[in-house]
Amino acid sequence: MSNKLNKSLNTLDIVALAFGAMVGWGWVVLAGSWVQSAGVMGAVLAFLLGGIAVIMIGLTYAELAASMPITGGEHIYTHRAMGTHVSFLCSWSILFGYISVVAFEAVALPTVIEYFVPNYNQGYMYNVAGWDVYATWVLVGMIGSIAVTWLNIVGLKVSALFQKVAVTGIAIVGIMLFIGALMFNPDASFASLKAPSFIDGTAGIMTVIVMVPFMFVGFDVIPQAAEEIDLTRPKIAIFLIVSLIIAVLWYMGIAWSVGQTLTLEQAQNSSLATADAMANAWNGKWAGNLLVLGGVLGILSSWNSFLVGGSRLMYAMAKGHMLPNFLAKVHKKYNTPVYAILLIGFLATIAPLFGRKMLVWIVDAGGFGIVIAYTCVALAFLVLRFKEPNMVRPFVLPAGKLIGVLTLITSFALLYMYLPGSPAALVPVEWAIFAGWMVLGFVLYVMALAKAPGKCKEFMDEEVNAIKSENQQWLADNGLPTSKAFEHQ
């Protein structure tokens, strides 16, 4: 086996990969709570403001991804800016987030099946943290995990095709909901809203804003697979931002559509407000079922995206002598990081055995890891603006230093949300899970460094130097002088 990956992703592939990761299942189950907390226009405004904050984070990613289009993304950005140890902290933290989402999707899928097949849970096994685990429920999650893992092993192009089909299905259902809402209330004015425009003013909007950043987790899978994207450097950056903008508009549209078709009381009494809104808009339960099917596609698309991102990051870390070397091997036939995919796939396959409550704890702890990584990337962006002002930047972020500072402040604000006393604070068991993951990482990292002293830094420095050489070649290929200064404010 070699350890090279193929360039197999085009424009539609990367937009589908990022958008599919961001939408997931949350838009189906949470839209009712958005409207209940802030009102219709309050929820729309919350997603607009929160979306702008996330887009700022995405802009720093965009500049770095265009400058360093290499598998692992954050892994190489943070090393170049702040060294190997920070690189490991950032990479290991976000890897936890990715794996936690992949594992949770293996639990979300069998939970959704209950909507279509009531009382399908058979074969009681045991109870975990108050959640009854059934054999049929576990089996559905395991079958889904094996299928998604297989898709990723046989090639990124195959999983990208699946992703495009899934995202197309999600888009069709979402557009149907929006059109149905327009037909349900044709004038589409504030006065026509069935639910209130605003609830609890600023406090209500802030309640929804707290949720917003975590609805957009997933755009960062593009940098993870940058080495496999067959696009020009600036286009990688542009379509990363395009994916985020589409997601912002999506969530705003979902919130508005629910408010156009459900009263506040209906939203409060609904277990799946988005599905009930669709049924109201099209005057039939079939429409609600169709929307839930779109939610299933959201689960599968998010699952697929995070498995792509997690396996590529694990591959990059192993290649850089931070994790066991076997994880850097790629499949002889398909040129995919087979052992990294299999390891994450195995964890997802056994996840249903632990029940839903345990997986919620893991996802919450994993979210903290993702925000740590966002903070590290924002810091790396700023450090490189000062440390390497002439670094080749095929996509240049205007007012980069200012946006970098604002992004860093935003990242710290997100970190604060997980601390005791804040709205999304982790509970003790989640802190224990996060601490356990970090201890495991520390042990693996120390063992890897001890096994090959000096190899980690040497390899990472070689990667940075190779990127610098490729960037000089990029300048030459585009008719730009290789001595061109890229100093920006």
Protein backbone atom coordinates (compact mmCIF):
# COMPACT_ATOMS: atom_id res chain seq x y z
CA MET A 1 0.00 0.00 0.00
CA SER A 2 1.12 3.54 -0.75
CA ASN A 3 0.04 6.55 1.24
CA LYS A 4 -1.16 8.90 -1.49
CA LEU A 5 -4.75 10.00 -2.04
CA ASN A 6 -6.45 10.70 -5.38
CA LYS A 7 -7.87 14.05 -6.51
CA SER A 8 -11.47 13.00 -7.07
CA LEU A 9 -13.73 15.81 -5.77
CA ASN A 10 -15.27 18.50 -7.99
CA THR A 11 -17.31 21.62 -7.21
CA LEU A 12 -20.62 19.87 -6.54
CA ASP A 13 -18.85 17.22 -4.47
CA ILE A 14 -17.36 19.67 -1.98
CA VAL A 15 -20.54 21.76 -1.66
CA ALA A 16 -22.54 18.57 -1.04
CA LEU A 17 -19.92 17.31 1.42
CA ALA A 18 -19.96 20.50 3.50
CA PHE A 19 -23.69 21.25 3.27
CA GLY A 20 -24.57 17.63 4.01
CA ALA A 21 -22.39 17.73 7.12
CA MET A 22 -24.02 20.93 8.37
CA VAL A 23 -27.71 20.09 7.92
CA GLY A 24 -27.90 16.61 9.45
CA TRP A 25 -31.10 15.88 11.43
CA GLY A 26 -31.28 18.97 13.64
CA TRP A 27 -33.46 21.00 11.26
CA VAL A 28 -36.19 18.37 11.59
CA VAL A 29 -36.25 18.04 15.38
CA LEU A 30 -35.22 21.51 16.58
CA ALA A 31 -37.09 24.01 14.37
CA GLY A 32 -40.10 23.95 16.69
CA SER A 33 -37.94 24.91 19.68
CA TRP A 34 -36.41 27.80 17.73
CA VAL A 35 -39.85 29.27 17.04
CA GLN A 36 -41.00 28.64 20.63
CA SER A 37 -37.92 30.36 22.08
CA ALA A 38 -37.60 33.44 19.87
CA GLY A 39 -40.64 33.61 17.61
CA VAL A 40 -40.44 33.21 13.84
CA MET A 41 -38.56 36.37 12.91
CA GLY A 42 -36.54 36.14 16.13
CA ALA A 43 -35.32 32.70 15.03
CA VAL A 44 -34.61 33.97 11.51
CA LEU A 45 -32.64 36.91 12.95
CA ALA A 46 -30.74 34.57 15.31
CA PHE A 47 -29.61 32.43 12.38
CA LEU A 48 -28.64 35.51 10.40
CA LEU A 49 -26.49 36.91 13.23
CA GLY A 50 -25.12 33.54 14.31
CA GLY A 51 -24.48 32.62 10.70
CA ILE A 52 -22.39 35.76 10.20
CA ALA A 53 -20.25 34.75 13.20
CA VAL A 54 -19.72 31.25 11.79
CA ILE A 55 -18.96 32.66 8.33
CA MET A 56 -16.17 34.73 9.94
CA ILE A 57 -14.65 31.49 11.25
CA GLY A 58 -15.12 30.00 7.79
CA LEU A 59 -13.31 32.93 6.16
CA THR A 60 -10.15 32.22 8.16
CA TYR A 61 -10.41 28.57 7.13
CA ALA A 62 -10.88 29.63 3.50
CA GLU A 63 -7.64 31.62 3.34
CA LEU A 64 -5.65 28.87 5.05
CA ALA A 65 -7.20 26.07 2.95
CA ALA A 66 -6.30 27.86 -0.28
CA SER A 67 -2.74 28.46 0.95
CA MET A 68 -2.25 24.91 2.26
CA PRO A 69 -4.50 22.47 0.35
CA ILE A 70 -3.31 19.36 2.14
CA THR A 71 -5.13 16.53 3.90
CA GLY A 72 -5.62 17.30 7.58
CA GLY A 73 -6.39 21.00 7.31
CA GLU A 74 -6.07 22.34 10.85
CA HIS A 75 -3.30 19.81 11.43
CA ILE A 76 -0.89 21.63 9.12
CA TYR A 77 -2.14 25.20 9.70
CA THR A 78 -1.48 25.07 13.42
CA HIS A 79 1.89 23.35 13.04
CA ARG A 80 3.12 26.01 10.63
CA ALA A 81 1.97 28.78 12.96
CA MET A 82 2.64 27.39 16.44
CA GLY A 83 4.45 24.06 16.26
CA THR A 84 3.84 20.35 16.71
CA HIS A 85 2.29 20.30 20.19
CA VAL A 86 -0.43 22.83 19.36
CA SER A 87 -1.03 20.97 16.11
CA PHE A 88 -1.69 17.77 18.02
CA LEU A 89 -3.99 19.52 20.53
CA CYS A 90 -6.03 21.05 17.72
CA SER A 91 -6.18 17.88 15.60
CA TRP A 92 -6.96 15.49 18.45
CA SER A 93 -9.69 17.82 19.75
CA ILE A 94 -11.54 18.13 16.45
CA LEU A 95 -11.06 14.42 15.72
CA PHE A 96 -13.05 13.72 18.89
CA GLY A 97 -15.82 15.96 17.58
CA TYR A 98 -15.93 14.17 14.24
CA ILE A 99 -15.95 10.69 15.76
CA SER A 100 -18.66 11.67 18.25
CA VAL A 101 -20.95 12.84 15.43
CA VAL A 102 -20.31 9.69 13.37
CA ALA A 103 -21.13 7.55 16.41
CA PHE A 104 -24.26 9.55 17.20
CA GLU A 105 -25.63 9.16 13.67
CA ALA A 106 -25.54 5.39 14.24
CA VAL A 107 -27.98 6.06 17.09
CA ALA A 108 -30.06 8.72 15.31
CA LEU A 109 -30.89 6.44 12.37
CA PRO A 110 -32.67 3.68 14.34
CA THR A 111 -34.43 6.35 16.45
CA VAL A 112 -35.93 7.93 13.31
CA ILE A 113 -37.07 4.56 11.97
CA GLU A 114 -39.55 4.49 14.87
CA TYR A 115 -41.43 7.34 13.14
CA PHE A 116 -42.16 5.06 10.18
CA VAL A 117 -42.44 1.74 12.03
CA PRO A 118 -43.99 2.33 15.47
CA ASN A 119 -43.16 -0.27 18.11
CA TYR A 120 -40.49 -1.90 15.95
CA ASN A 121 -38.21 -2.17 18.99
CA GLN A 122 -37.98 -5.85 19.86
CA GLY A 123 -35.57 -7.93 21.92
CA TYR A 124 -34.95 -5.92 25.09
CA MET A 125 -31.24 -6.13 26.01
CA TYR A 126 -30.50 -3.75 28.91
CA ASN A 127 -30.79 -0.16 30.14
CA VAL A 128 -28.04 2.47 29.90
CA ALA A 129 -28.51 5.76 31.79
CA GLY A 130 -32.29 5.38 31.65
CA TRP A 131 -32.40 4.39 27.97
CA ASP A 132 -33.73 0.93 27.04
CA VAL A 133 -31.57 -0.76 24.40
CA TYR A 134 -33.32 -3.19 22.02
CA ALA A 135 -31.77 -5.71 19.62
CA THR A 136 -33.68 -4.46 16.55
CA TRP A 137 -32.72 -0.86 17.34
CA VAL A 138 -29.04 -1.81 17.65
CA LEU A 139 -29.18 -3.86 14.44
CA VAL A 140 -30.49 -0.95 12.34
CA GLY A 141 -27.69 1.31 13.60
CA MET A 142 -25.04 -1.33 12.94
CA ILE A 143 -26.26 -2.04 9.41
CA GLY A 144 -26.24 1.69 8.64
CA SER A 145 -22.71 2.03 10.01
CA ILE A 146 -21.38 -0.89 7.98
CA ALA A 147 -22.97 0.52 4.80
CA VAL A 148 -21.54 4.05 5.24
CA THR A 149 -18.12 2.63 6.16
CA TRP A 150 -18.12 0.46 3.03
CA LEU A 151 -19.05 3.47 0.87
CA ASN A 152 -16.02 5.34 2.17
CA ILE A 153 -13.62 2.43 1.68
CA VAL A 154 -14.52 1.87 -1.98
CA GLY A 155 -13.61 5.43 -2.82
CA LEU A 156 -14.28 9.07 -2.09
CA LYS A 157 -15.83 9.44 -5.52
CA VAL A 158 -18.43 6.79 -4.64
CA SER A 159 -19.23 8.35 -1.27
CA ALA A 160 -19.32 11.78 -2.97
CA LEU A 161 -21.90 10.48 -5.47
CA PHE A 162 -23.99 9.17 -2.58
CA GLN A 163 -23.59 12.56 -0.89
CA LYS A 164 -24.88 14.43 -3.93
CA VAL A 165 -27.92 12.15 -4.18
CA ALA A 166 -28.67 12.58 -0.46
CA VAL A 167 -28.23 16.37 -0.50
CA THR A 168 -30.41 16.62 -3.63
CA GLY A 169 -33.15 14.76 -1.77
CA ILE A 170 -32.79 17.06 1.25
CA ALA A 171 -32.95 20.14 -1.01
CA ILE A 172 -36.11 18.91 -2.77
CA VAL A 173 -37.88 18.35 0.55
CA GLY A 174 -36.74 21.74 1.90
CA ILE A 175 -37.91 23.57 -1.23
CA MET A 176 -41.25 21.77 -1.02
CA LEU A 177 -41.64 22.97 2.59
CA PHE A 178 -40.86 26.57 1.59
CA ILE A 179 -43.23 26.51 -1.41
CA GLY A 180 -45.92 24.88 0.71
CA ALA A 181 -45.55 27.60 3.34
CA LEU A 182 -45.94 30.26 0.64
CA MET A 183 -49.13 28.61 -0.62
CA PHE A 184 -50.43 28.18 2.93
CA ASN A 185 -50.01 31.92 3.62
CA PRO A 186 -49.76 33.53 0.16
CA ASP A 187 -48.99 37.11 1.23
CA ALA A 188 -45.95 35.91 3.25
CA SER A 189 -46.03 39.05 5.42
CA PHE A 190 -45.23 39.38 9.11
CA ALA A 191 -48.97 39.69 9.74
CA SER A 192 -49.63 36.34 8.06
CA LEU A 193 -47.36 34.39 10.40
CA LYS A 194 -49.31 31.85 12.43
CA ALA A 195 -46.68 31.88 15.18
CA PRO A 196 -45.58 35.18 16.83
CA SER A 197 -42.84 37.17 15.09
CA PHE A 198 -40.86 37.67 18.32
CA ILE A 199 -40.96 36.01 21.74
CA ASP A 200 -39.01 37.35 24.77
CA GLY A 201 -37.20 39.94 22.64
CA THR A 202 -33.41 39.90 22.88
CA ALA A 203 -33.42 37.09 25.45
CA GLY A 204 -35.34 34.84 23.07
CA ILE A 205 -33.00 35.60 20.19
CA MET A 206 -29.97 34.87 22.38
CA THR A 207 -31.49 31.52 23.39
CA VAL A 208 -31.47 30.48 19.72
CA ILE A 209 -28.09 32.07 18.94
CA VAL A 210 -26.53 29.77 21.53
CA MET A 211 -27.64 26.81 19.39
CA VAL A 212 -26.66 28.32 16.03
CA PRO A 213 -22.88 27.70 15.83
CA PHE A 214 -23.33 23.99 16.47
CA MET A 215 -25.83 23.70 13.61
CA PHE A 216 -23.01 24.71 11.25
CA VAL A 217 -20.35 22.29 12.42
CA GLY A 218 -19.17 20.42 9.33
CA PHE A 219 -17.99 23.06 6.87
CA ASP A 220 -14.48 22.24 8.09
CA VAL A 221 -14.57 18.82 6.42
CA ILE A 222 -13.51 20.59 3.20
CA PRO A 223 -9.99 21.40 4.50
CA GLN A 224 -9.69 17.80 5.74
CA ALA A 225 -10.08 16.50 2.19
CA ALA A 226 -8.36 19.43 0.41
CA GLU A 227 -5.68 17.16 -1.07
CA GLU A 228 -8.42 15.23 -2.90
CA ILE A 229 -10.22 18.29 -4.32
CA ASP A 230 -9.67 18.79 -8.05
CA LEU A 231 -10.21 22.56 -8.10
CA THR A 232 -8.04 25.67 -8.24
CA ARG A 233 -6.87 27.03 -4.89
CA PRO A 234 -9.13 30.12 -4.85
CA LYS A 235 -12.18 28.00 -5.75
CA ILE A 236 -11.62 25.73 -2.75
CA ALA A 237 -11.89 28.81 -0.53
CA ILE A 238 -14.84 30.30 -2.39
CA PHE A 239 -16.95 27.15 -2.29
CA LEU A 240 -16.23 26.64 1.40
CA ILE A 241 -17.85 30.03 2.01
CA VAL A 242 -20.64 29.32 -0.50
CA SER A 243 -21.51 26.16 1.45
CA LEU A 244 -21.81 28.18 4.66
CA ILE A 245 -24.01 30.82 3.05
CA ILE A 246 -26.32 28.14 1.64
CA ALA A 247 -26.60 26.60 5.11
CA VAL A 248 -27.46 29.98 6.69
CA LEU A 249 -30.23 30.55 4.12
CA TRP A 250 -31.45 26.98 4.66
CA TYR A 251 -31.91 27.36 8.41
CA MET A 252 -33.53 30.79 8.04
CA GLY A 253 -35.95 29.33 5.48
CA ILE A 254 -36.84 26.36 7.69
CA ALA A 255 -37.59 28.59 10.69
CA TRP A 256 -39.76 30.92 8.58
CA SER A 257 -41.65 28.03 6.96
CA VAL A 258 -42.52 26.45 10.31
CA GLY A 259 -43.81 29.81 11.58
CA GLN A 260 -45.93 30.27 8.45
CA THR A 261 -47.75 26.97 8.89
CA LEU A 262 -47.93 26.21 12.64
CA THR A 263 -49.35 28.20 15.52
CA LEU A 264 -47.23 28.51 18.65
CA GLU A 265 -49.48 25.99 20.41
CA GLN A 266 -49.12 23.52 17.54
CA ALA A 267 -45.33 23.88 17.62
CA GLN A 268 -45.28 23.35 21.38
CA ASN A 269 -47.36 20.16 21.13
CA SER A 270 -45.40 18.69 18.22
CA SER A 271 -42.57 16.18 18.57
CA LEU A 272 -41.43 16.92 14.99
CA ALA A 273 -42.62 20.46 14.23
CA THR A 274 -40.96 20.61 10.81
CA ALA A 275 -42.74 17.44 9.68
CA ASP A 276 -46.08 18.73 11.00
CA ALA A 277 -45.48 22.04 9.21
CA MET A 278 -44.92 20.15 5.96
CA ALA A 279 -48.10 18.11 6.52
CA ASN A 280 -50.09 21.32 7.15
CA ALA A 281 -48.59 23.08 4.13
CA TRP A 282 -49.47 20.25 1.74
CA ASN A 283 -52.59 19.10 3.61
CA GLY A 284 -51.53 15.50 4.08
CA LYS A 285 -49.54 13.24 6.40
CA TRP A 286 -47.71 11.92 3.34
CA ALA A 287 -45.89 15.26 3.14
CA GLY A 288 -44.79 14.99 6.76
CA ASN A 289 -43.49 11.48 6.10
CA LEU A 290 -41.63 12.76 3.05
CA LEU A 291 -39.95 15.43 5.14
CA VAL A 292 -38.87 12.88 7.75
CA LEU A 293 -37.40 10.85 4.90
CA GLY A 294 -35.44 13.98 3.99
CA GLY A 295 -34.28 14.03 7.60
CA VAL A 296 -33.04 10.45 7.21
CA LEU A 297 -31.03 11.60 4.19
CA GLY A 298 -29.68 14.38 6.42
CA ILE A 299 -28.50 11.80 8.95
CA LEU A 300 -26.77 9.77 6.24
CA SER A 301 -25.18 12.80 4.56
CA SER A 302 -23.85 14.15 7.86
CA TRP A 303 -22.61 10.68 8.82
CA ASN A 304 -20.80 10.33 5.50
CA SER A 305 -19.23 13.80 5.66
CA PHE A 306 -17.84 13.39 9.16
CA LEU A 307 -16.48 9.95 8.36
CA VAL A 308 -14.65 11.51 5.40
CA GLY A 309 -13.31 14.35 7.55
CA GLY A 310 -12.40 12.19 10.55
CA SER A 311 -10.63 9.49 8.54
CA ARG A 312 -8.58 12.05 6.57
CA LEU A 313 -7.50 13.81 9.74
CA MET A 314 -6.58 10.53 11.44
CA TYR A 315 -4.62 9.58 8.31
CA ALA A 316 -2.76 12.91 8.36
CA MET A 317 -1.91 12.58 12.06
CA ALA A 318 -0.56 9.05 11.56
CA LYS A 319 1.40 10.16 8.53
CA GLY A 320 2.92 12.88 10.70
CA HIS A 321 4.03 10.35 13.38
CA MET A 322 1.46 11.55 15.93
CA LEU A 323 -0.60 8.33 15.88
CA PRO A 324 0.25 4.68 15.07
CA ASN A 325 1.72 4.38 11.57
CA PHE A 326 -0.75 1.77 10.28
CA LEU A 327 -3.47 4.44 10.22
CA ALA A 328 -1.55 6.20 7.43
CA LYS A 329 -1.87 3.26 5.03
CA VAL A 330 -4.22 3.54 2.05
CA HIS A 331 -6.12 0.82 0.20
CA LYS A 332 -4.20 -0.77 -2.70
CA LYS A 333 -7.18 -0.61 -5.05
CA TYR A 334 -9.24 2.36 -3.88
CA ASN A 335 -6.52 4.68 -2.53
CA THR A 336 -8.56 5.51 0.56
CA PRO A 337 -7.23 5.62 4.16
CA VAL A 338 -8.70 2.20 4.82
CA TYR A 339 -7.51 1.58 8.40
CA ALA A 340 -8.56 5.04 9.58
CA ILE A 341 -11.99 4.51 7.99
CA LEU A 342 -12.30 1.03 9.52
CA LEU A 343 -11.36 2.25 12.99
CA ILE A 344 -13.92 5.07 13.00
CA GLY A 345 -16.45 2.76 11.35
CA PHE A 346 -15.91 0.17 14.08
CA LEU A 347 -16.52 2.77 16.79
CA ALA A 348 -19.74 3.82 15.05
CA THR A 349 -20.85 0.21 14.65
CA ILE A 350 -20.62 -0.52 18.37
CA ALA A 351 -22.08 2.89 19.35
CA PRO A 352 -25.74 1.73 19.41
CA LEU A 353 -24.83 -0.77 22.13
CA PHE A 354 -24.32 2.17 24.52
CA GLY A 355 -27.79 3.68 24.08
CA ARG A 356 -28.82 7.18 23.09
CA LYS A 357 -28.13 9.01 26.37
CA MET A 358 -24.48 7.98 26.47
CA LEU A 359 -24.02 9.15 22.87
CA VAL A 360 -25.58 12.54 23.68
CA TRP A 361 -22.94 12.98 26.39
CA ILE A 362 -20.19 12.05 23.94
CA VAL A 363 -21.47 14.46 21.27
CA ASP A 364 -21.65 17.32 23.79
CA ALA A 365 -18.08 16.62 24.89
CA GLY A 366 -17.02 16.32 21.25
CA GLY A 367 -18.55 19.72 20.51
CA PHE A 368 -16.16 21.25 23.03
CA GLY A 369 -13.30 19.64 21.11
CA ILE A 370 -14.49 21.19 17.85
CA VAL A 371 -14.63 24.66 19.40
CA ILE A 372 -11.09 24.22 20.77
CA ALA A 373 -9.99 23.49 17.21
CA TYR A 374 -11.80 26.58 15.86
CA THR A 375 -9.96 28.67 18.45
CA CYS A 376 -6.61 27.16 17.48
CA VAL A 377 -7.26 27.85 13.78
CA ALA A 378 -8.26 31.46 14.45
CA LEU A 379 -5.06 31.90 16.46
CA ALA A 380 -2.99 30.21 13.73
CA PHE A 381 -4.52 32.53 11.13
CA LEU A 382 -3.50 35.60 13.12
CA VAL A 383 -0.03 34.26 13.95
CA LEU A 384 0.68 33.58 10.26
CA ARG A 385 -0.52 37.06 9.28
CA PHE A 386 2.20 38.51 11.53
CA LYS A 387 4.80 35.73 11.35
CA GLU A 388 4.64 35.20 7.56
CA PRO A 389 3.18 38.38 6.01
CA ASN A 390 4.56 37.35 2.59
CA MET A 391 3.06 33.84 2.67
CA VAL A 392 1.46 32.98 -0.66
CA ARG A 393 -2.28 33.42 -0.25
CA PRO A 394 -4.24 32.45 -3.39
CA PHE A 395 -7.40 33.60 -1.58
CA VAL A 396 -6.81 36.79 0.38
CA LEU A 397 -9.22 37.74 3.14
CA PRO A 398 -9.75 41.55 3.10
CA ALA A 399 -9.11 43.22 6.45
CA GLY A 400 -7.74 39.86 7.49
CA LYS A 401 -6.16 40.90 10.77
CA LEU A 402 -9.36 42.60 11.94
CA ILE A 403 -11.52 39.61 10.96
CA GLY A 404 -8.95 37.31 12.56
CA VAL A 405 -9.25 39.16 15.88
CA LEU A 406 -13.06 39.12 15.69
CA THR A 407 -12.98 35.40 14.87
CA LEU A 408 -10.73 34.70 17.84
CA ILE A 409 -13.10 36.61 20.12
CA THR A 410 -16.03 34.64 18.68
CA SER A 411 -14.18 31.37 19.29
CA PHE A 412 -13.49 32.28 22.92
CA ALA A 413 -17.18 33.15 23.33
CA LEU A 414 -18.10 29.70 22.02
CA LEU A 415 -15.63 28.10 24.45
CA TYR A 416 -17.23 30.02 27.30
CA MET A 417 -20.61 28.44 26.49
CA TYR A 418 -19.27 25.07 27.61
CA LEU A 419 -18.02 26.29 30.98
CA PRO A 420 -20.01 25.99 34.24
CA GLY A 421 -22.71 28.64 34.54
CA SER A 422 -23.17 29.10 30.79
CA PRO A 423 -26.21 27.99 28.72
CA ALA A 424 -24.50 24.99 27.09
CA ALA A 425 -22.25 24.02 30.01
CA LEU A 426 -20.96 20.46 30.06
CA VAL A 427 -22.17 18.24 32.89
CA PRO A 428 -19.63 16.33 35.04
CA VAL A 429 -19.91 13.08 33.08
CA GLU A 430 -19.21 14.98 29.84
CA TRP A 431 -16.13 16.60 31.36
CA ALA A 432 -14.99 13.12 32.40
CA ILE A 433 -15.47 11.82 28.84
CA PHE A 434 -13.54 14.75 27.39
CA ALA A 435 -10.74 14.34 29.93
CA GLY A 436 -10.53 10.63 29.13
CA TRP A 437 -10.19 11.37 25.42
CA MET A 438 -7.42 13.91 26.03
CA VAL A 439 -5.53 11.51 28.33
CA LEU A 440 -5.77 8.80 25.65
CA GLY A 441 -4.44 11.23 23.08
CA PHE A 442 -1.57 12.30 25.32
CA VAL A 443 -0.54 8.66 25.82
CA LEU A 444 -0.70 7.85 22.08
CA TYR A 445 1.18 11.04 21.22
CA VAL A 446 3.98 10.40 23.72
CA MET A 447 4.29 6.80 22.53
CA ALA A 448 4.46 7.89 18.88
CA LEU A 449 7.12 10.50 19.65
CA ALA A 450 9.14 7.97 21.66
CA LYS A 451 8.95 5.39 18.88
CA ALA A 452 10.38 7.77 16.28
CA PRO A 453 12.25 10.58 18.07
CA GLY A 454 12.37 13.76 16.03
CA LYS A 455 10.41 12.24 13.12
CA CYS A 456 7.19 14.12 13.85
CA LYS A 457 8.69 17.61 13.66
CA GLU A 458 10.92 16.59 10.78
CA PHE A 459 7.99 15.28 8.74
CA MET A 460 5.74 18.25 9.51
CA ASP A 461 8.50 20.70 8.59
CA GLU A 462 8.98 18.80 5.32
CA GLU A 463 5.25 19.13 4.63
CA VAL A 464 5.41 22.88 5.20
CA ASN A 465 8.46 23.21 2.94
CA ALA A 466 6.73 21.15 0.25
CA ILE A 467 3.73 23.47 0.47
CA LYS A 468 6.00 26.50 0.12
CA SER A 469 7.54 24.97 -3.02
CA GLU A 470 4.11 24.15 -4.44
CA ASN A 471 2.98 27.70 -3.76
CA GLN A 472 5.95 29.09 -5.67
CA GLN A 473 5.01 26.79 -8.54
CA TRP A 474 1.43 28.03 -8.29
CA LEU A 475 2.68 31.60 -8.69
CA ALA A 476 4.70 30.61 -11.75
CA ASP A 477 1.80 28.66 -13.29
CA ASN A 478 -0.46 31.69 -12.90
CA GLY A 479 2.03 34.13 -14.38
CA LEU A 480 2.82 35.81 -11.06
CA PRO A 481 6.38 36.69 -10.05
CA THR A 482 7.68 34.29 -7.41
CA SER A 483 9.06 37.27 -5.51
CA LYS A 484 5.58 38.80 -5.27
CA ALA A 485 4.82 40.06 -1.77
CA PHE A 486 1.57 38.92 -0.21
CA GLU A 487 1.60 41.29 2.72
CA HIS A 488 -1.93 42.20 3.76
CA GLN A 489 -3.62 44.06 6.57
